[in-house]
Amino acid sequence: MIRLDLERERSLHPLFAIRDPRRLLDEIGLVKNRHIVPGQSLLFLDEIQTCPSALSVLGDFRELHPAQYVIAAGSLLDFALREFPSSMPVGRIEYLYQLRLWDL
């Protein structure tokens, strides 16, 4: 697993201007000093709402590099999606909400 905390690692945000998923993975691998293997490695994008360009690239992974496992999470993602400047890739992203007992 390669975890990117996009809230704490803001220096990674410019990488998500790269719209080619394979090249993006190569760059992330260089920065993290890890080899990313499609179909074996999980890319975990934490606090993704802090980097709108990372949200945009999710659809590119599904279309252009479907073998790569990607999970995105964000504590304030619902709020960010309301103001998201681009359309989300319909049918390409699955949402999972976690309800905690103290949320009731």
PDB file of N, CA and C in Angstrom:
ATOM      1  N   MET A   1       0.843  -1.174   0.000  1.00  0.00           N
ATOM      2  CA  MET A   1       0.000   0.000   0.000  1.00  0.00           C
ATOM      3  C   MET A   1       0.890   1.240   0.000  1.00  0.00           C
ATOM      4  N   ILE A   2       0.525   2.173  -0.821  1.00  0.00           N
ATOM      5  CA  ILE A   2       1.192   3.465  -0.875  1.00  0.00           C
ATOM      6  C   ILE A   2       0.158   4.486  -0.452  1.00  0.00           C
ATOM      7  N   ARG A   3       0.373   5.084   0.717  1.00  0.00           N
ATOM      8  CA  ARG A   3      -0.587   6.042   1.270  1.00  0.00           C
ATOM      9  C   ARG A   3      -0.072   7.461   1.067  1.00  0.00           C
ATOM     10  N   LEU A   4      -0.938   8.296   0.492  1.00  0.00           N
ATOM     11  CA  LEU A   4      -0.632   9.708   0.337  1.00  0.00           C
ATOM     12  C   LEU A   4      -1.623  10.485   1.197  1.00  0.00           C
ATOM     13  N   ASP A   5      -1.138  11.194   2.191  1.00  0.00           N
ATOM     14  CA  ASP A   5      -1.984  12.064   3.002  1.00  0.00           C
ATOM     15  C   ASP A   5      -1.936  13.440   2.354  1.00  0.00           C
ATOM     16  N   LEU A   6      -2.937  13.725   1.551  1.00  0.00           N
ATOM     17  CA  LEU A   6      -2.920  14.936   0.735  1.00  0.00           C
ATOM     18  C   LEU A   6      -3.162  16.202   1.549  1.00  0.00           C
ATOM     19  N   GLU A   7      -3.546  16.059   2.794  1.00  0.00           N
ATOM     20  CA  GLU A   7      -3.656  17.227   3.662  1.00  0.00           C
ATOM     21  C   GLU A   7      -2.285  17.594   4.233  1.00  0.00           C
ATOM     22  N   ARG A   8      -1.543  16.600   4.639  1.00  0.00           N
ATOM     23  CA  ARG A   8      -0.225  16.842   5.233  1.00  0.00           C
ATOM     24  C   ARG A   8       0.883  16.950   4.193  1.00  0.00           C
ATOM     25  N   GLU A   9       0.715  16.259   3.066  1.00  0.00           N
ATOM     26  CA  GLU A   9       1.757  16.239   2.029  1.00  0.00           C
ATOM     27  C   GLU A   9       1.335  17.102   0.837  1.00  0.00           C
ATOM     28  N   ARG A  10       1.121  18.368   1.095  1.00  0.00           N
ATOM     29  CA  ARG A  10       0.647  19.286   0.050  1.00  0.00           C
ATOM     30  C   ARG A  10       1.653  19.454  -1.084  1.00  0.00           C
ATOM     31  N   SER A  11       2.892  19.112  -0.828  1.00  0.00           N
ATOM     32  CA  SER A  11       3.905  19.188  -1.894  1.00  0.00           C
ATOM     33  C   SER A  11       3.610  18.181  -3.014  1.00  0.00           C
ATOM     34  N   LEU A  12       2.741  17.204  -2.756  1.00  0.00           N
ATOM     35  CA  LEU A  12       2.372  16.211  -3.767  1.00  0.00           C
ATOM     36  C   LEU A  12       1.269  16.705  -4.707  1.00  0.00           C
ATOM     37  N   HIS A  13       0.569  17.755  -4.333  1.00  0.00           N
ATOM     38  CA  HIS A  13      -0.567  18.230  -5.134  1.00  0.00           C
ATOM     39  C   HIS A  13      -0.214  18.487  -6.595  1.00  0.00           C
ATOM     40  N   PRO A  14       0.921  19.111  -6.902  1.00  0.00           N
ATOM     41  CA  PRO A  14       1.238  19.356  -8.321  1.00  0.00           C
ATOM     42  C   PRO A  14       1.346  18.080  -9.163  1.00  0.00           C
ATOM     43  N   LEU A  15       1.646  16.963  -8.546  1.00  0.00           N
ATOM     44  CA  LEU A  15       1.732  15.702  -9.303  1.00  0.00           C
ATOM     45  C   LEU A  15       0.414  15.366  -9.993  1.00  0.00           C
ATOM     46  N   PHE A  16      -0.701  15.780  -9.391  1.00  0.00           N
ATOM     47  CA  PHE A  16      -2.006  15.404  -9.924  1.00  0.00           C
ATOM     48  C   PHE A  16      -2.430  16.240 -11.122  1.00  0.00           C
ATOM     49  N   ALA A  17      -1.555  17.124 -11.563  1.00  0.00           N
ATOM     50  CA  ALA A  17      -1.768  17.793 -12.852  1.00  0.00           C
ATOM     51  C   ALA A  17      -1.449  16.827 -13.989  1.00  0.00           C
ATOM     52  N   ILE A  18      -0.736  15.749 -13.677  1.00  0.00           N
ATOM     53  CA  ILE A  18      -0.414  14.705 -14.662  1.00  0.00           C
ATOM     54  C   ILE A  18      -1.668  13.867 -14.877  1.00  0.00           C
ATOM     55  N   ARG A  19      -2.191  13.880 -16.083  1.00  0.00           N
ATOM     56  CA  ARG A  19      -3.441  13.164 -16.356  1.00  0.00           C
ATOM     57  C   ARG A  19      -3.230  11.749 -16.881  1.00  0.00           C
ATOM     58  N   ASP A  20      -2.006  11.353 -17.092  1.00  0.00           N
ATOM     59  CA  ASP A  20      -1.700   9.982 -17.517  1.00  0.00           C
ATOM     60  C   ASP A  20      -1.434   9.155 -16.265  1.00  0.00           C
ATOM     61  N   PRO A  21      -2.346   8.242 -15.910  1.00  0.00           N
ATOM     62  CA  PRO A  21      -2.198   7.486 -14.667  1.00  0.00           C
ATOM     63  C   PRO A  21      -0.873   6.729 -14.546  1.00  0.00           C
ATOM     64  N   ARG A  22      -0.380   6.163 -15.641  1.00  0.00           N
ATOM     65  CA  ARG A  22       0.880   5.412 -15.558  1.00  0.00           C
ATOM     66  C   ARG A  22       2.040   6.337 -15.201  1.00  0.00           C
ATOM     67  N   ARG A  23       2.072   7.492 -15.830  1.00  0.00           N
ATOM     68  CA  ARG A  23       3.130   8.465 -15.530  1.00  0.00           C
ATOM     69  C   ARG A  23       2.981   9.006 -14.106  1.00  0.00           C
ATOM     70  N   LEU A  24       1.753   9.258 -13.699  1.00  0.00           N
ATOM     71  CA  LEU A  24       1.499   9.718 -12.337  1.00  0.00           C
ATOM     72  C   LEU A  24       2.001   8.692 -11.322  1.00  0.00           C
ATOM     73  N   LEU A  25       1.721   7.418 -11.564  1.00  0.00           N
ATOM     74  CA  LEU A  25       2.196   6.365 -10.658  1.00  0.00           C
ATOM     75  C   LEU A  25       3.716   6.303 -10.621  1.00  0.00           C
ATOM     76  N   ASP A  26       4.345   6.493 -11.768  1.00  0.00           N
ATOM     77  CA  ASP A  26       5.811   6.523 -11.798  1.00  0.00           C
ATOM     78  C   ASP A  26       6.345   7.653 -10.928  1.00  0.00           C
ATOM     79  N   GLU A  27       5.735   8.829 -11.036  1.00  0.00           N
ATOM     80  CA  GLU A  27       6.179   9.985 -10.259  1.00  0.00           C
ATOM     81  C   GLU A  27       5.943   9.770  -8.760  1.00  0.00           C
ATOM     82  N   ILE A  28       4.788   9.225  -8.410  1.00  0.00           N
ATOM     83  CA  ILE A  28       4.505   8.931  -6.999  1.00  0.00           C
ATOM     84  C   ILE A  28       5.505   7.913  -6.475  1.00  0.00           C
ATOM     85  N   GLY A  29       5.789   6.897  -7.272  1.00  0.00           N
ATOM     86  CA  GLY A  29       6.773   5.889  -6.883  1.00  0.00           C
ATOM     87  C   GLY A  29       8.142   6.498  -6.622  1.00  0.00           C
ATOM     88  N   LEU A  30       8.544   7.448  -7.463  1.00  0.00           N
ATOM     89  CA  LEU A  30       9.828   8.118  -7.264  1.00  0.00           C
ATOM     90  C   LEU A  30       9.841   8.923  -5.961  1.00  0.00           C
ATOM     91  N   VAL A  31       8.771   9.673  -5.739  1.00  0.00           N
ATOM     92  CA  VAL A  31       8.697  10.506  -4.533  1.00  0.00           C
ATOM     93  C   VAL A  31       8.680   9.650  -3.270  1.00  0.00           C
ATOM     94  N   LYS A  32       7.936   8.554  -3.306  1.00  0.00           N
ATOM     95  CA  LYS A  32       7.787   7.690  -2.137  1.00  0.00           C
ATOM     96  C   LYS A  32       8.858   6.596  -2.060  1.00  0.00           C
ATOM     97  N   ASN A  33       9.699   6.534  -3.078  1.00  0.00           N
ATOM     98  CA  ASN A  33      10.739   5.498  -3.145  1.00  0.00           C
ATOM     99  C   ASN A  33      10.137   4.093  -3.018  1.00  0.00           C
ATOM    100  N   ARG A  34       9.069   3.884  -3.768  1.00  0.00           N
ATOM    101  CA  ARG A  34       8.349   2.607  -3.762  1.00  0.00           C
ATOM    102  C   ARG A  34       8.037   2.218  -5.198  1.00  0.00           C
ATOM    103  N   HIS A  35       8.018   0.936  -5.457  1.00  0.00           N
ATOM    104  CA  HIS A  35       7.629   0.435  -6.773  1.00  0.00           C
ATOM    105  C   HIS A  35       6.140   0.103  -6.722  1.00  0.00           C
ATOM    106  N   ILE A  36       5.364   0.729  -7.600  1.00  0.00           N
ATOM    107  CA  ILE A  36       3.922   0.512  -7.644  1.00  0.00           C
ATOM    108  C   ILE A  36       3.613  -0.492  -8.733  1.00  0.00           C
ATOM    109  N   VAL A  37       2.997  -1.600  -8.342  1.00  0.00           N
ATOM    110  CA  VAL A  37       2.698  -2.692  -9.265  1.00  0.00           C
ATOM    111  C   VAL A  37       1.187  -2.776  -9.469  1.00  0.00           C
ATOM    112  N   PRO A  38       0.687  -2.439 -10.668  1.00  0.00           N
ATOM    113  CA  PRO A  38      -0.751  -2.546 -10.925  1.00  0.00           C
ATOM    114  C   PRO A  38      -1.251  -3.965 -10.666  1.00  0.00           C
ATOM    115  N   GLY A  39      -2.396  -4.043 -10.013  1.00  0.00           N
ATOM    116  CA  GLY A  39      -2.970  -5.341  -9.680  1.00  0.00           C
ATOM    117  C   GLY A  39      -2.417  -5.929  -8.394  1.00  0.00           C
ATOM    118  N   GLN A  40      -1.395  -5.286  -7.820  1.00  0.00           N
ATOM    119  CA  GLN A  40      -0.821  -5.752  -6.554  1.00  0.00           C
ATOM    120  C   GLN A  40      -0.741  -4.638  -5.518  1.00  0.00           C
ATOM    121  N   SER A  41      -0.425  -3.437  -5.975  1.00  0.00           N
ATOM    122  CA  SER A  41      -0.257  -2.305  -5.062  1.00  0.00           C
ATOM    123  C   SER A  41      -1.567  -1.525  -4.947  1.00  0.00           C
ATOM    124  N   LEU A  42      -1.836  -1.058  -3.740  1.00  0.00           N
ATOM    125  CA  LEU A  42      -2.998  -0.217  -3.485  1.00  0.00           C
ATOM    126  C   LEU A  42      -2.520   1.213  -3.291  1.00  0.00           C
ATOM    127  N   LEU A  43      -3.097   2.131  -4.050  1.00  0.00           N
ATOM    128  CA  LEU A  43      -2.820   3.554  -3.883  1.00  0.00           C
ATOM    129  C   LEU A  43      -3.951   4.126  -3.041  1.00  0.00           C
ATOM    130  N   PHE A  44      -3.622   4.607  -1.842  1.00  0.00           N
ATOM    131  CA  PHE A  44      -4.607   5.148  -0.916  1.00  0.00           C
ATOM    132  C   PHE A  44      -4.425   6.655  -0.823  1.00  0.00           C
ATOM    133  N   LEU A  45      -5.394   7.389  -1.342  1.00  0.00           N
ATOM    134  CA  LEU A  45      -5.362   8.849  -1.356  1.00  0.00           C
ATOM    135  C   LEU A  45      -6.214   9.357  -0.203  1.00  0.00           C
ATOM    136  N   ASP A  46      -5.558   9.727   0.885  1.00  0.00           N
ATOM    137  CA  ASP A  46      -6.266  10.175   2.081  1.00  0.00           C
ATOM    138  C   ASP A  46      -6.430  11.689   2.051  1.00  0.00           C
ATOM    139  N   GLU A  47      -7.564  12.155   2.577  1.00  0.00           N
ATOM    140  CA  GLU A  47      -7.916  13.576   2.598  1.00  0.00           C
ATOM    141  C   GLU A  47      -7.879  14.167   1.186  1.00  0.00           C
ATOM    142  N   ILE A  48      -8.481  13.433   0.268  1.00  0.00           N
ATOM    143  CA  ILE A  48      -8.453  13.812  -1.152  1.00  0.00           C
ATOM    144  C   ILE A  48      -9.172  15.137  -1.421  1.00  0.00           C
ATOM    145  N   GLN A  49     -10.074  15.540  -0.531  1.00  0.00           N
ATOM    146  CA  GLN A  49     -10.798  16.794  -0.759  1.00  0.00           C
ATOM    147  C   GLN A  49      -9.878  18.004  -0.757  1.00  0.00           C
ATOM    148  N   THR A  50      -8.666  17.862  -0.229  1.00  0.00           N
ATOM    149  CA  THR A  50      -7.729  18.986  -0.205  1.00  0.00           C
ATOM    150  C   THR A  50      -7.027  19.191  -1.547  1.00  0.00           C
ATOM    151  N   CYS A  51      -7.244  18.264  -2.478  1.00  0.00           N
ATOM    152  CA  CYS A  51      -6.560  18.334  -3.782  1.00  0.00           C
ATOM    153  C   CYS A  51      -7.565  18.035  -4.898  1.00  0.00           C
ATOM    154  N   PRO A  52      -8.319  19.040  -5.364  1.00  0.00           N
ATOM    155  CA  PRO A  52      -9.328  18.812  -6.402  1.00  0.00           C
ATOM    156  C   PRO A  52      -8.791  18.114  -7.652  1.00  0.00           C
ATOM    157  N   SER A  53      -7.545  18.366  -8.025  1.00  0.00           N
ATOM    158  CA  SER A  53      -7.012  17.703  -9.217  1.00  0.00           C
ATOM    159  C   SER A  53      -6.861  16.196  -8.989  1.00  0.00           C
ATOM    160  N   ALA A  54      -6.673  15.765  -7.747  1.00  0.00           N
ATOM    161  CA  ALA A  54      -6.619  14.330  -7.453  1.00  0.00           C
ATOM    162  C   ALA A  54      -8.003  13.710  -7.639  1.00  0.00           C
ATOM    163  N   LEU A  55      -9.048  14.442  -7.273  1.00  0.00           N
ATOM    164  CA  LEU A  55     -10.415  13.961  -7.516  1.00  0.00           C
ATOM    165  C   LEU A  55     -10.660  13.775  -9.009  1.00  0.00           C
ATOM    166  N   SER A  56     -10.178  14.714  -9.800  1.00  0.00           N
ATOM    167  CA  SER A  56     -10.385  14.651 -11.252  1.00  0.00           C
ATOM    168  C   SER A  56      -9.699  13.457 -11.889  1.00  0.00           C
ATOM    169  N   VAL A  57      -8.557  13.074 -11.355  1.00  0.00           N
ATOM    170  CA  VAL A  57      -7.775  12.001 -11.968  1.00  0.00           C
ATOM    171  C   VAL A  57      -8.341  10.605 -11.653  1.00  0.00           C
ATOM    172  N   LEU A  58      -9.281  10.509 -10.705  1.00  0.00           N
ATOM    173  CA  LEU A  58      -9.846   9.201 -10.368  1.00  0.00           C
ATOM    174  C   LEU A  58     -10.487   8.518 -11.573  1.00  0.00           C
ATOM    175  N   GLY A  59     -11.228   9.280 -12.357  1.00  0.00           N
ATOM    176  CA  GLY A  59     -11.857   8.710 -13.552  1.00  0.00           C
ATOM    177  C   GLY A  59     -10.837   8.239 -14.573  1.00  0.00           C
ATOM    178  N   ASP A  60      -9.718   8.933 -14.645  1.00  0.00           N
ATOM    179  CA  ASP A  60      -8.661   8.533 -15.577  1.00  0.00           C
ATOM    180  C   ASP A  60      -8.095   7.167 -15.209  1.00  0.00           C
ATOM    181  N   PHE A  61      -7.973   6.897 -13.928  1.00  0.00           N
ATOM    182  CA  PHE A  61      -7.493   5.576 -13.505  1.00  0.00           C
ATOM    183  C   PHE A  61      -8.438   4.499 -13.992  1.00  0.00           C
ATOM    184  N   ARG A  62      -9.721   4.710 -13.836  1.00  0.00           N
ATOM    185  CA  ARG A  62     -10.721   3.705 -14.235  1.00  0.00           C
ATOM    186  C   ARG A  62     -10.685   3.465 -15.749  1.00  0.00           C
ATOM    187  N   GLU A  63     -10.564   4.542 -16.503  1.00  0.00           N
ATOM    188  CA  GLU A  63     -10.596   4.443 -17.955  1.00  0.00           C
ATOM    189  C   GLU A  63      -9.280   3.972 -18.560  1.00  0.00           C
ATOM    190  N   LEU A  64      -8.176   4.518 -18.082  1.00  0.00           N
ATOM    191  CA  LEU A  64      -6.889   4.316 -18.742  1.00  0.00           C
ATOM    192  C   LEU A  64      -5.962   3.317 -18.051  1.00  0.00           C
ATOM    193  N   HIS A  65      -6.246   3.008 -16.790  1.00  0.00           N
ATOM    194  CA  HIS A  65      -5.357   2.112 -16.046  1.00  0.00           C
ATOM    195  C   HIS A  65      -6.169   1.301 -15.027  1.00  0.00           C
ATOM    196  N   PRO A  66      -7.132   0.503 -15.512  1.00  0.00           N
ATOM    197  CA  PRO A  66      -8.063  -0.176 -14.610  1.00  0.00           C
ATOM    198  C   PRO A  66      -7.425  -1.233 -13.709  1.00  0.00           C
ATOM    199  N   ALA A  67      -6.215  -1.663 -13.984  1.00  0.00           N
ATOM    200  CA  ALA A  67      -5.577  -2.678 -13.149  1.00  0.00           C
ATOM    201  C   ALA A  67      -5.090  -2.106 -11.824  1.00  0.00           C
ATOM    202  N   GLN A  68      -4.981  -0.779 -11.747  1.00  0.00           N
ATOM    203  CA  GLN A  68      -4.465  -0.169 -10.522  1.00  0.00           C
ATOM    204  C   GLN A  68      -5.570  -0.051  -9.473  1.00  0.00           C
ATOM    205  N   TYR A  69      -5.298  -0.537  -8.269  1.00  0.00           N
ATOM    206  CA  TYR A  69      -6.228  -0.389  -7.154  1.00  0.00           C
ATOM    207  C   TYR A  69      -6.055   0.998  -6.549  1.00  0.00           C
ATOM    208  N   VAL A  70      -7.173   1.729  -6.423  1.00  0.00           N
ATOM    209  CA  VAL A  70      -7.138   3.075  -5.862  1.00  0.00           C
ATOM    210  C   VAL A  70      -8.298   3.234  -4.894  1.00  0.00           C
ATOM    211  N   ILE A  71      -7.995   3.751  -3.718  1.00  0.00           N
ATOM    212  CA  ILE A  71      -9.016   4.120  -2.741  1.00  0.00           C
ATOM    213  C   ILE A  71      -8.774   5.573  -2.372  1.00  0.00           C
ATOM    214  N   ALA A  72      -9.846   6.342  -2.329  1.00  0.00           N
ATOM    215  CA  ALA A  72      -9.762   7.735  -1.911  1.00  0.00           C
ATOM    216  C   ALA A  72     -10.677   7.926  -0.711  1.00  0.00           C
ATOM    217  N   ALA A  73     -10.205   8.680   0.250  1.00  0.00           N
ATOM    218  CA  ALA A  73     -10.992   8.962   1.453  1.00  0.00           C
ATOM    219  C   ALA A  73     -10.808  10.419   1.825  1.00  0.00           C
ATOM    220  N   GLY A  74     -11.817  10.947   2.489  1.00  0.00           N
ATOM    221  CA  GLY A  74     -11.715  12.324   2.952  1.00  0.00           C
ATOM    222  C   GLY A  74     -12.731  12.600   4.033  1.00  0.00           C
ATOM    223  N   SER A  75     -12.262  13.158   5.132  1.00  0.00           N
ATOM    224  CA  SER A  75     -13.156  13.435   6.251  1.00  0.00           C
ATOM    225  C   SER A  75     -14.169  14.525   5.913  1.00  0.00           C
ATOM    226  N   LEU A  76     -13.836  15.408   4.991  1.00  0.00           N
ATOM    227  CA  LEU A  76     -14.741  16.487   4.591  1.00  0.00           C
ATOM    228  C   LEU A  76     -15.093  16.389   3.108  1.00  0.00           C
ATOM    229  N   LEU A  77     -15.059  15.188   2.567  1.00  0.00           N
ATOM    230  CA  LEU A  77     -15.271  14.987   1.140  1.00  0.00           C
ATOM    231  C   LEU A  77     -16.661  15.413   0.687  1.00  0.00           C
ATOM    232  N   ASP A  78     -17.688  15.142   1.486  1.00  0.00           N
ATOM    233  CA  ASP A  78     -19.046  15.554   1.119  1.00  0.00           C
ATOM    234  C   ASP A  78     -19.126  17.048   0.847  1.00  0.00           C
ATOM    235  N   PHE A  79     -18.509  17.835   1.700  1.00  0.00           N
ATOM    236  CA  PHE A  79     -18.543  19.286   1.539  1.00  0.00           C
ATOM    237  C   PHE A  79     -17.776  19.722   0.294  1.00  0.00           C
ATOM    238  N   ALA A  80     -16.646  19.090   0.061  1.00  0.00           N
ATOM    239  CA  ALA A  80     -15.825  19.448  -1.104  1.00  0.00           C
ATOM    240  C   ALA A  80     -16.541  19.115  -2.413  1.00  0.00           C
ATOM    241  N   LEU A  81     -17.262  18.008  -2.449  1.00  0.00           N
ATOM    242  CA  LEU A  81     -17.945  17.608  -3.680  1.00  0.00           C
ATOM    243  C   LEU A  81     -19.071  18.576  -4.046  1.00  0.00           C
ATOM    244  N   ARG A  82     -19.655  19.220  -3.061  1.00  0.00           N
ATOM    245  CA  ARG A  82     -20.713  20.202  -3.342  1.00  0.00           C
ATOM    246  C   ARG A  82     -20.172  21.381  -4.140  1.00  0.00           C
ATOM    247  N   GLU A  83     -18.908  21.698  -3.923  1.00  0.00           N
ATOM    248  CA  GLU A  83     -18.292  22.849  -4.591  1.00  0.00           C
ATOM    249  C   GLU A  83     -17.293  22.428  -5.659  1.00  0.00           C
ATOM    250  N   PHE A  84     -17.288  21.159  -6.011  1.00  0.00           N
ATOM    251  CA  PHE A  84     -16.319  20.642  -6.972  1.00  0.00           C
ATOM    252  C   PHE A  84     -16.559  21.279  -8.334  1.00  0.00           C
ATOM    253  N   PRO A  85     -15.509  21.856  -8.950  1.00  0.00           N
ATOM    254  CA  PRO A  85     -15.684  22.608 -10.195  1.00  0.00           C
ATOM    255  C   PRO A  85     -15.941  21.750 -11.435  1.00  0.00           C
ATOM    256  N   SER A  86     -15.644  20.475 -11.389  1.00  0.00           N
ATOM    257  CA  SER A  86     -15.813  19.607 -12.555  1.00  0.00           C
ATOM    258  C   SER A  86     -16.863  18.550 -12.257  1.00  0.00           C
ATOM    259  N   SER A  87     -17.324  17.880 -13.297  1.00  0.00           N
ATOM    260  CA  SER A  87     -18.271  16.801 -13.081  1.00  0.00           C
ATOM    261  C   SER A  87     -17.520  15.553 -12.637  1.00  0.00           C
ATOM    262  N   MET A  88     -18.157  14.782 -11.798  1.00  0.00           N
ATOM    263  CA  MET A  88     -17.559  13.538 -11.341  1.00  0.00           C
ATOM    264  C   MET A  88     -17.819  12.470 -12.391  1.00  0.00           C
ATOM    265  N   PRO A  89     -16.908  11.537 -12.558  1.00  0.00           N
ATOM    266  CA  PRO A  89     -17.103  10.466 -13.545  1.00  0.00           C
ATOM    267  C   PRO A  89     -18.212   9.513 -13.108  1.00  0.00           C
ATOM    268  N   VAL A  90     -19.397   9.714 -13.639  1.00  0.00           N
ATOM    269  CA  VAL A  90     -20.569   8.928 -13.262  1.00  0.00           C
ATOM    270  C   VAL A  90     -20.350   7.459 -13.599  1.00  0.00           C
ATOM    271  N   GLY A  91     -20.680   6.589 -12.657  1.00  0.00           N
ATOM    272  CA  GLY A  91     -20.548   5.151 -12.857  1.00  0.00           C
ATOM    273  C   GLY A  91     -19.121   4.651 -12.748  1.00  0.00           C
ATOM    274  N   ARG A  92     -18.202   5.512 -12.417  1.00  0.00           N
ATOM    275  CA  ARG A  92     -16.792   5.125 -12.335  1.00  0.00           C
ATOM    276  C   ARG A  92     -16.259   5.165 -10.917  1.00  0.00           C
ATOM    277  N   ILE A  93     -17.013   5.806 -10.034  1.00  0.00           N
ATOM    278  CA  ILE A  93     -16.581   5.918  -8.648  1.00  0.00           C
ATOM    279  C   ILE A  93     -17.663   5.322  -7.766  1.00  0.00           C
ATOM    280  N   GLU A  94     -17.265   4.482  -6.829  1.00  0.00           N
ATOM    281  CA  GLU A  94     -18.197   3.906  -5.882  1.00  0.00           C
ATOM    282  C   GLU A  94     -18.002   4.600  -4.545  1.00  0.00           C
ATOM    283  N   TYR A  95     -19.106   4.950  -3.905  1.00  0.00           N
ATOM    284  CA  TYR A  95     -19.059   5.647  -2.626  1.00  0.00           C
ATOM    285  C   TYR A  95     -19.364   4.677  -1.493  1.00  0.00           C
ATOM    286  N   LEU A  96     -18.666   4.846  -0.400  1.00  0.00           N
ATOM    287  CA  LEU A  96     -18.909   4.065   0.803  1.00  0.00           C
ATOM    288  C   LEU A  96     -18.897   5.037   1.964  1.00  0.00           C
ATOM    289  N   TYR A  97     -19.996   5.108   2.670  1.00  0.00           N
ATOM    290  CA  TYR A  97     -20.082   5.998   3.821  1.00  0.00           C
ATOM    291  C   TYR A  97     -19.993   5.163   5.086  1.00  0.00           C
ATOM    292  N   GLN A  98     -19.254   5.679   6.029  1.00  0.00           N
ATOM    293  CA  GLN A  98     -19.135   4.995   7.312  1.00  0.00           C
ATOM    294  C   GLN A  98     -19.897   5.808   8.345  1.00  0.00           C
ATOM    295  N   LEU A  99     -20.856   5.188   8.974  1.00  0.00           N
ATOM    296  CA  LEU A  99     -21.634   5.822  10.022  1.00  0.00           C
ATOM    297  C   LEU A  99     -21.111   5.332  11.356  1.00  0.00           C
ATOM    298  N   ARG A 100     -20.747   6.262  12.190  1.00  0.00           N
ATOM    299  CA  ARG A 100     -20.247   5.901  13.519  1.00  0.00           C
ATOM    300  C   ARG A 100     -21.357   6.089  14.526  1.00  0.00           C
ATOM    301  N   LEU A 101     -21.317   5.371  15.609  1.00  0.00           N
ATOM    302  CA  LEU A 101     -22.352   5.456  16.637  1.00  0.00           C
ATOM    303  C   LEU A 101     -22.523   6.878  17.161  1.00  0.00           C
ATOM    304  N   TRP A 102     -21.428   7.618  17.284  1.00  0.00           N
ATOM    305  CA  TRP A 102     -21.549   8.971  17.823  1.00  0.00           C
ATOM    306  C   TRP A 102     -22.119   9.951  16.799  1.00  0.00           C
ATOM    307  N   ASP A 103     -22.326   9.513  15.552  1.00  0.00           N
ATOM    308  CA  ASP A 103     -22.972  10.349  14.541  1.00  0.00           C
ATOM    309  C   ASP A 103     -24.503  10.309  14.675  1.00  0.00           C
ATOM    310  N   LEU A 104     -25.020   9.340  15.408  1.00  0.00           N
ATOM    311  CA  LEU A 104     -26.477   9.172  15.529  1.00  0.00           C
ATOM    312  C   LEU A 104     -27.096  10.187  16.445  1.00  0.00           C
TER     313      LEU A 104
END
